[in-house]
Amino acid sequence: MAKVCDITGKRPQVGNNVSHANNKTKRKFLPNLHKKSFYVPEEDAWITLKVCSKALRTINKNGISSVLKKAQNEGYIIIK
């Protein structure tokens, strides 16, 4: 399963663990993803999306319909 947010397109980032002795080893910073179901009243249907916490806040603020439309325009999600 890809660790990518369906709404914002956030992906894992690469960085370093830095020890007290300043040794650096590679690590991944994973997005905080949640599998969530949303009701879309225009389509009268439930959809399941994998969204990060920032996307959940955006959906709560702007509504699912406008967020889906914006994500489709940006190419993060394909709506049939």
PDB file of N, CA and C in Angstrom:
ATOM      1  N   MET A   1       0.843  -1.162   0.000  1.00  0.00           N
ATOM      2  CA  MET A   1       0.000   0.000   0.000  1.00  0.00           C
ATOM      3  C   MET A   1       0.902   1.244   0.000  1.00  0.00           C
ATOM      4  N   ALA A   2       0.653   2.135  -0.927  1.00  0.00           N
ATOM      5  CA  ALA A   2       1.455   3.351  -1.024  1.00  0.00           C
ATOM      6  C   ALA A   2       1.123   4.297   0.122  1.00  0.00           C
ATOM      7  N   LYS A   3       2.148   4.891   0.692  1.00  0.00           N
ATOM      8  CA  LYS A   3       1.957   5.827   1.800  1.00  0.00           C
ATOM      9  C   LYS A   3       1.837   7.242   1.244  1.00  0.00           C
ATOM     10  N   VAL A   4       0.740   7.486   0.512  1.00  0.00           N
ATOM     11  CA  VAL A   4       0.508   8.771  -0.140  1.00  0.00           C
ATOM     12  C   VAL A   4      -0.900   9.238   0.208  1.00  0.00           C
ATOM     13  N   CYS A   5      -1.041  10.501   0.561  1.00  0.00           N
ATOM     14  CA  CYS A   5      -2.345  11.083   0.860  1.00  0.00           C
ATOM     15  C   CYS A   5      -3.110  11.296  -0.453  1.00  0.00           C
ATOM     16  N   ASP A   6      -4.378  10.893  -0.480  1.00  0.00           N
ATOM     17  CA  ASP A   6      -5.202  11.040  -1.681  1.00  0.00           C
ATOM     18  C   ASP A   6      -5.568  12.495  -1.962  1.00  0.00           C
ATOM     19  N   ILE A   7      -5.611  13.336  -0.951  1.00  0.00           N
ATOM     20  CA  ILE A   7      -6.046  14.721  -1.124  1.00  0.00           C
ATOM     21  C   ILE A   7      -4.876  15.668  -1.362  1.00  0.00           C
ATOM     22  N   THR A   8      -3.852  15.599  -0.512  1.00  0.00           N
ATOM     23  CA  THR A   8      -2.746  16.559  -0.617  1.00  0.00           C
ATOM     24  C   THR A   8      -1.560  16.029  -1.408  1.00  0.00           C
ATOM     25  N   GLY A   9      -1.477  14.707  -1.600  1.00  0.00           N
ATOM     26  CA  GLY A   9      -0.343  14.128  -2.319  1.00  0.00           C
ATOM     27  C   GLY A   9       0.911  14.009  -1.481  1.00  0.00           C
ATOM     28  N   LYS A  10       0.798  14.164  -0.161  1.00  0.00           N
ATOM     29  CA  LYS A  10       1.971  14.037   0.708  1.00  0.00           C
ATOM     30  C   LYS A  10       2.534  12.626   0.615  1.00  0.00           C
ATOM     31  N   ARG A  11       3.879  12.537   0.571  1.00  0.00           N
ATOM     32  CA  ARG A  11       4.588  11.267   0.457  1.00  0.00           C
ATOM     33  C   ARG A  11       5.635  11.183   1.559  1.00  0.00           C
ATOM     34  N   PRO A  12       6.230   9.986   1.763  1.00  0.00           N
ATOM     35  CA  PRO A  12       7.331   9.893   2.726  1.00  0.00           C
ATOM     36  C   PRO A  12       8.510  10.752   2.291  1.00  0.00           C
ATOM     37  N   GLN A  13       9.148  11.387   3.267  1.00  0.00           N
ATOM     38  CA  GLN A  13      10.344  12.177   3.002  1.00  0.00           C
ATOM     39  C   GLN A  13      11.549  11.447   3.586  1.00  0.00           C
ATOM     40  N   VAL A  14      12.720  11.720   3.042  1.00  0.00           N
ATOM     41  CA  VAL A  14      13.944  11.075   3.494  1.00  0.00           C
ATOM     42  C   VAL A  14      14.767  12.075   4.283  1.00  0.00           C
ATOM     43  N   GLY A  15      15.347  11.598   5.384  1.00  0.00           N
ATOM     44  CA  GLY A  15      16.194  12.453   6.207  1.00  0.00           C
ATOM     45  C   GLY A  15      17.218  11.624   6.950  1.00  0.00           C
ATOM     46  N   ASN A  16      17.769  12.181   8.000  1.00  0.00           N
ATOM     47  CA  ASN A  16      18.800  11.511   8.781  1.00  0.00           C
ATOM     48  C   ASN A  16      18.406  11.422  10.243  1.00  0.00           C
ATOM     49  N   ASN A  17      18.738  10.276  10.877  1.00  0.00           N
ATOM     50  CA  ASN A  17      18.802  10.209  12.327  1.00  0.00           C
ATOM     51  C   ASN A  17      20.162  10.772  12.709  1.00  0.00           C
ATOM     52  N   VAL A  18      20.211  11.657  13.678  1.00  0.00           N
ATOM     53  CA  VAL A  18      21.477  12.244  14.100  1.00  0.00           C
ATOM     54  C   VAL A  18      21.710  11.864  15.558  1.00  0.00           C
ATOM     55  N   SER A  19      22.798  11.162  15.817  1.00  0.00           N
ATOM     56  CA  SER A  19      23.108  10.708  17.170  1.00  0.00           C
ATOM     57  C   SER A  19      23.784  11.829  17.961  1.00  0.00           C
ATOM     58  N   HIS A  20      23.999  11.551  19.228  1.00  0.00           N
ATOM     59  CA  HIS A  20      24.678  12.521  20.093  1.00  0.00           C
ATOM     60  C   HIS A  20      26.105  12.788  19.599  1.00  0.00           C
ATOM     61  N   ALA A  21      26.705  11.753  18.985  1.00  0.00           N
ATOM     62  CA  ALA A  21      28.060  11.883  18.436  1.00  0.00           C
ATOM     63  C   ALA A  21      28.039  12.451  17.013  1.00  0.00           C
ATOM     64  N   ASN A  22      26.869  12.911  16.567  1.00  0.00           N
ATOM     65  CA  ASN A  22      26.665  13.511  15.240  1.00  0.00           C
ATOM     66  C   ASN A  22      26.860  12.513  14.101  1.00  0.00           C
ATOM     67  N   ASN A  23      26.642  11.201  14.380  1.00  0.00           N
ATOM     68  CA  ASN A  23      26.618  10.203  13.311  1.00  0.00           C
ATOM     69  C   ASN A  23      25.265  10.282  12.626  1.00  0.00           C
ATOM     70  N   LYS A  24      25.261  10.139  11.313  1.00  0.00           N
ATOM     71  CA  LYS A  24      24.012  10.264  10.561  1.00  0.00           C
ATOM     72  C   LYS A  24      23.693   8.954   9.860  1.00  0.00           C
ATOM     73  N   THR A  25      22.452   8.482  10.038  1.00  0.00           N
ATOM     74  CA  THR A  25      21.953   7.316   9.322  1.00  0.00           C
ATOM     75  C   THR A  25      20.627   7.684   8.685  1.00  0.00           C
ATOM     76  N   LYS A  26      20.350   7.094   7.528  1.00  0.00           N
ATOM     77  CA  LYS A  26      19.146   7.433   6.774  1.00  0.00           C
ATOM     78  C   LYS A  26      17.892   6.958   7.494  1.00  0.00           C
ATOM     79  N   ARG A  27      16.810   7.713   7.336  1.00  0.00           N
ATOM     80  CA  ARG A  27      15.502   7.349   7.874  1.00  0.00           C
ATOM     81  C   ARG A  27      14.417   7.939   6.996  1.00  0.00           C
ATOM     82  N   LYS A  28      13.173   7.513   7.224  1.00  0.00           N
ATOM     83  CA  LYS A  28      12.018   8.044   6.502  1.00  0.00           C
ATOM     84  C   LYS A  28      11.100   8.770   7.467  1.00  0.00           C
ATOM     85  N   PHE A  29      10.572   9.896   7.012  1.00  0.00           N
ATOM     86  CA  PHE A  29       9.518  10.609   7.733  1.00  0.00           C
ATOM     87  C   PHE A  29       8.212  10.277   7.016  1.00  0.00           C
ATOM     88  N   LEU A  30       7.336   9.491   7.662  1.00  0.00           N
ATOM     89  CA  LEU A  30       6.095   9.041   7.038  1.00  0.00           C
ATOM     90  C   LEU A  30       4.966  10.026   7.325  1.00  0.00           C
ATOM     91  N   PRO A  31       4.069  10.242   6.352  1.00  0.00           N
ATOM     92  CA  PRO A  31       2.903  11.101   6.616  1.00  0.00           C
ATOM     93  C   PRO A  31       1.937  10.400   7.579  1.00  0.00           C
ATOM     94  N   ASN A  32       1.196  11.193   8.330  1.00  0.00           N
ATOM     95  CA  ASN A  32       0.243  10.671   9.325  1.00  0.00           C
ATOM     96  C   ASN A  32      -1.068  10.331   8.616  1.00  0.00           C
ATOM     97  N   LEU A  33      -1.143   9.124   8.023  1.00  0.00           N
ATOM     98  CA  LEU A  33      -2.277   8.739   7.176  1.00  0.00           C
ATOM     99  C   LEU A  33      -3.355   8.003   7.957  1.00  0.00           C
ATOM    100  N   HIS A  34      -4.617   8.232   7.555  1.00  0.00           N
ATOM    101  CA  HIS A  34      -5.774   7.558   8.129  1.00  0.00           C
ATOM    102  C   HIS A  34      -6.686   7.128   6.985  1.00  0.00           C
ATOM    103  N   LYS A  35      -7.220   5.913   7.078  1.00  0.00           N
ATOM    104  CA  LYS A  35      -8.214   5.461   6.107  1.00  0.00           C
ATOM    105  C   LYS A  35      -9.578   5.890   6.632  1.00  0.00           C
ATOM    106  N   LYS A  36     -10.280   6.698   5.846  1.00  0.00           N
ATOM    107  CA  LYS A  36     -11.495   7.352   6.343  1.00  0.00           C
ATOM    108  C   LYS A  36     -12.582   7.279   5.276  1.00  0.00           C
ATOM    109  N   SER A  37     -13.830   7.091   5.708  1.00  0.00           N
ATOM    110  CA  SER A  37     -14.975   7.099   4.799  1.00  0.00           C
ATOM    111  C   SER A  37     -15.697   8.437   4.905  1.00  0.00           C
ATOM    112  N   PHE A  38     -16.062   8.996   3.760  1.00  0.00           N
ATOM    113  CA  PHE A  38     -16.758  10.277   3.705  1.00  0.00           C
ATOM    114  C   PHE A  38     -18.036  10.111   2.897  1.00  0.00           C
ATOM    115  N   TYR A  39     -19.085  10.799   3.327  1.00  0.00           N
ATOM    116  CA  TYR A  39     -20.347  10.806   2.593  1.00  0.00           C
ATOM    117  C   TYR A  39     -20.362  12.018   1.668  1.00  0.00           C
ATOM    118  N   VAL A  40     -20.581  11.760   0.367  1.00  0.00           N
ATOM    119  CA  VAL A  40     -20.656  12.835  -0.627  1.00  0.00           C
ATOM    120  C   VAL A  40     -22.124  13.001  -1.002  1.00  0.00           C
ATOM    121  N   PRO A  41     -22.788  14.075  -0.544  1.00  0.00           N
ATOM    122  CA  PRO A  41     -24.230  14.221  -0.779  1.00  0.00           C
ATOM    123  C   PRO A  41     -24.585  14.419  -2.249  1.00  0.00           C
ATOM    124  N   GLU A  42     -23.695  15.019  -3.054  1.00  0.00           N
ATOM    125  CA  GLU A  42     -24.002  15.235  -4.471  1.00  0.00           C
ATOM    126  C   GLU A  42     -24.139  13.910  -5.225  1.00  0.00           C
ATOM    127  N   GLU A  43     -23.324  12.919  -4.835  1.00  0.00           N
ATOM    128  CA  GLU A  43     -23.375  11.609  -5.486  1.00  0.00           C
ATOM    129  C   GLU A  43     -24.211  10.616  -4.697  1.00  0.00           C
ATOM    130  N   ASP A  44     -24.650  10.991  -3.491  1.00  0.00           N
ATOM    131  CA  ASP A  44     -25.394  10.118  -2.587  1.00  0.00           C
ATOM    132  C   ASP A  44     -24.644   8.810  -2.379  1.00  0.00           C
ATOM    133  N   ALA A  45     -23.326   8.923  -2.073  1.00  0.00           N
ATOM    134  CA  ALA A  45     -22.487   7.738  -1.929  1.00  0.00           C
ATOM    135  C   ALA A  45     -21.414   7.980  -0.875  1.00  0.00           C
ATOM    136  N   TRP A  46     -20.920   6.874  -0.326  1.00  0.00           N
ATOM    137  CA  TRP A  46     -19.790   6.904   0.598  1.00  0.00           C
ATOM    138  C   TRP A  46     -18.528   6.585  -0.190  1.00  0.00           C
ATOM    139  N   ILE A  47     -17.451   7.329   0.075  1.00  0.00           N
ATOM    140  CA  ILE A  47     -16.164   7.030  -0.551  1.00  0.00           C
ATOM    141  C   ILE A  47     -15.125   6.856   0.556  1.00  0.00           C
ATOM    142  N   THR A  48     -14.154   5.981   0.319  1.00  0.00           N
ATOM    143  CA  THR A  48     -13.082   5.742   1.273  1.00  0.00           C
ATOM    144  C   THR A  48     -11.806   6.343   0.715  1.00  0.00           C
ATOM    145  N   LEU A  49     -11.173   7.188   1.512  1.00  0.00           N
ATOM    146  CA  LEU A  49      -9.938   7.852   1.116  1.00  0.00           C
ATOM    147  C   LEU A  49      -8.867   7.614   2.171  1.00  0.00           C
ATOM    148  N   LYS A  50      -7.610   7.622   1.714  1.00  0.00           N
ATOM    149  CA  LYS A  50      -6.471   7.588   2.616  1.00  0.00           C
ATOM    150  C   LYS A  50      -5.965   9.022   2.733  1.00  0.00           C
ATOM    151  N   VAL A  51      -6.205   9.654   3.883  1.00  0.00           N
ATOM    152  CA  VAL A  51      -5.912  11.074   4.024  1.00  0.00           C
ATOM    153  C   VAL A  51      -4.991  11.314   5.221  1.00  0.00           C
ATOM    154  N   CYS A  52      -4.180  12.365   5.119  1.00  0.00           N
ATOM    155  CA  CYS A  52      -3.323  12.769   6.231  1.00  0.00           C
ATOM    156  C   CYS A  52      -4.122  13.692   7.150  1.00  0.00           C
ATOM    157  N   SER A  53      -3.544  14.005   8.293  1.00  0.00           N
ATOM    158  CA  SER A  53      -4.239  14.833   9.283  1.00  0.00           C
ATOM    159  C   SER A  53      -4.528  16.230   8.747  1.00  0.00           C
ATOM    160  N   LYS A  54      -3.605  16.784   7.965  1.00  0.00           N
ATOM    161  CA  LYS A  54      -3.824  18.112   7.386  1.00  0.00           C
ATOM    162  C   LYS A  54      -5.024  18.088   6.439  1.00  0.00           C
ATOM    163  N   ALA A  55      -5.173  17.019   5.664  1.00  0.00           N
ATOM    164  CA  ALA A  55      -6.304  16.900   4.740  1.00  0.00           C
ATOM    165  C   ALA A  55      -7.622  16.792   5.505  1.00  0.00           C
ATOM    166  N   LEU A  56      -7.621  16.097   6.642  1.00  0.00           N
ATOM    167  CA  LEU A  56      -8.835  16.000   7.463  1.00  0.00           C
ATOM    168  C   LEU A  56      -9.263  17.379   7.951  1.00  0.00           C
ATOM    169  N   ARG A  57      -8.292  18.194   8.367  1.00  0.00           N
ATOM    170  CA  ARG A  57      -8.614  19.553   8.812  1.00  0.00           C
ATOM    171  C   ARG A  57      -9.167  20.382   7.655  1.00  0.00           C
ATOM    172  N   THR A  58      -8.601  20.210   6.459  1.00  0.00           N
ATOM    173  CA  THR A  58      -9.069  20.949   5.282  1.00  0.00           C
ATOM    174  C   THR A  58     -10.487  20.532   4.915  1.00  0.00           C
ATOM    175  N   ILE A  59     -10.781  19.230   5.011  1.00  0.00           N
ATOM    176  CA  ILE A  59     -12.126  18.731   4.706  1.00  0.00           C
ATOM    177  C   ILE A  59     -13.130  19.287   5.721  1.00  0.00           C
ATOM    178  N   ASN A  60     -12.750  19.320   6.988  1.00  0.00           N
ATOM    179  CA  ASN A  60     -13.645  19.874   8.011  1.00  0.00           C
ATOM    180  C   ASN A  60     -13.913  21.355   7.774  1.00  0.00           C
ATOM    181  N   LYS A  61     -12.925  22.071   7.272  1.00  0.00           N
ATOM    182  CA  LYS A  61     -13.068  23.505   7.063  1.00  0.00           C
ATOM    183  C   LYS A  61     -13.847  23.828   5.792  1.00  0.00           C
ATOM    184  N   ASN A  62     -13.484  23.200   4.658  1.00  0.00           N
ATOM    185  CA  ASN A  62     -14.033  23.578   3.348  1.00  0.00           C
ATOM    186  C   ASN A  62     -15.134  22.665   2.836  1.00  0.00           C
ATOM    187  N   GLY A  63     -15.271  21.466   3.400  1.00  0.00           N
ATOM    188  CA  GLY A  63     -16.272  20.511   2.916  1.00  0.00           C
ATOM    189  C   GLY A  63     -15.667  19.527   1.941  1.00  0.00           C
ATOM    190  N   ILE A  64     -16.218  18.323   1.918  1.00  0.00           N
ATOM    191  CA  ILE A  64     -15.652  17.241   1.113  1.00  0.00           C
ATOM    192  C   ILE A  64     -15.778  17.507  -0.379  1.00  0.00           C
ATOM    193  N   SER A  65     -16.868  18.116  -0.813  1.00  0.00           N
ATOM    194  CA  SER A  65     -17.094  18.319  -2.249  1.00  0.00           C
ATOM    195  C   SER A  65     -16.067  19.257  -2.858  1.00  0.00           C
ATOM    196  N   SER A  66     -15.811  20.384  -2.198  1.00  0.00           N
ATOM    197  CA  SER A  66     -14.841  21.339  -2.745  1.00  0.00           C
ATOM    198  C   SER A  66     -13.423  20.790  -2.681  1.00  0.00           C
ATOM    199  N   VAL A  67     -13.117  20.026  -1.640  1.00  0.00           N
ATOM    200  CA  VAL A  67     -11.779  19.449  -1.508  1.00  0.00           C
ATOM    201  C   VAL A  67     -11.552  18.393  -2.594  1.00  0.00           C
ATOM    202  N   LEU A  68     -12.559  17.568  -2.869  1.00  0.00           N
ATOM    203  CA  LEU A  68     -12.437  16.563  -3.933  1.00  0.00           C
ATOM    204  C   LEU A  68     -12.261  17.218  -5.296  1.00  0.00           C
ATOM    205  N   LYS A  69     -13.001  18.296  -5.528  1.00  0.00           N
ATOM    206  CA  LYS A  69     -12.898  19.002  -6.800  1.00  0.00           C
ATOM    207  C   LYS A  69     -11.497  19.583  -6.989  1.00  0.00           C
ATOM    208  N   LYS A  70     -10.947  20.171  -5.918  1.00  0.00           N
ATOM    209  CA  LYS A  70      -9.606  20.755  -5.992  1.00  0.00           C
ATOM    210  C   LYS A  70      -8.544  19.666  -6.192  1.00  0.00           C
ATOM    211  N   ALA A  71      -8.693  18.540  -5.497  1.00  0.00           N
ATOM    212  CA  ALA A  71      -7.735  17.438  -5.640  1.00  0.00           C
ATOM    213  C   ALA A  71      -7.786  16.846  -7.042  1.00  0.00           C
ATOM    214  N   GLN A  72      -8.972  16.813  -7.629  1.00  0.00           N
ATOM    215  CA  GLN A  72      -9.103  16.311  -8.999  1.00  0.00           C
ATOM    216  C   GLN A  72      -8.435  17.262  -9.982  1.00  0.00           C
ATOM    217  N   ASN A  73      -8.587  18.569  -9.782  1.00  0.00           N
ATOM    218  CA  ASN A  73      -7.946  19.543 -10.664  1.00  0.00           C
ATOM    219  C   ASN A  73      -6.427  19.476 -10.568  1.00  0.00           C
ATOM    220  N   GLU A  74      -5.902  19.172  -9.375  1.00  0.00           N
ATOM    221  CA  GLU A  74      -4.451  19.091  -9.173  1.00  0.00           C
ATOM    222  C   GLU A  74      -3.893  17.736  -9.574  1.00  0.00           C
ATOM    223  N   GLY A  75      -4.777  16.763  -9.874  1.00  0.00           N
ATOM    224  CA  GLY A  75      -4.330  15.465 -10.360  1.00  0.00           C
ATOM    225  C   GLY A  75      -4.013  14.440  -9.289  1.00  0.00           C
ATOM    226  N   TYR A  76      -4.388  14.695  -8.022  1.00  0.00           N
ATOM    227  CA  TYR A  76      -4.118  13.747  -6.959  1.00  0.00           C
ATOM    228  C   TYR A  76      -5.122  12.604  -6.915  1.00  0.00           C
ATOM    229  N   ILE A  77      -6.315  12.844  -7.437  1.00  0.00           N
ATOM    230  CA  ILE A  77      -7.383  11.856  -7.365  1.00  0.00           C
ATOM    231  C   ILE A  77      -8.142  11.856  -8.680  1.00  0.00           C
ATOM    232  N   ILE A  78      -8.638  10.680  -9.076  1.00  0.00           N
ATOM    233  CA  ILE A  78      -9.396  10.559 -10.312  1.00  0.00           C
ATOM    234  C   ILE A  78     -10.822  10.159  -9.938  1.00  0.00           C
ATOM    235  N   ILE A  79     -11.778  11.010 -10.287  1.00  0.00           N
ATOM    236  CA  ILE A  79     -13.187  10.748 -10.002  1.00  0.00           C
ATOM    237  C   ILE A  79     -13.869  10.374 -11.306  1.00  0.00           C
ATOM    238  N   LYS A  80     -14.575   9.241 -11.283  1.00  0.00           N
ATOM    239  CA  LYS A  80     -15.239   8.761 -12.499  1.00  0.00           C
ATOM    240  C   LYS A  80     -16.605   9.366 -12.671  1.00  0.00           C
TER     241      LYS A  80
END
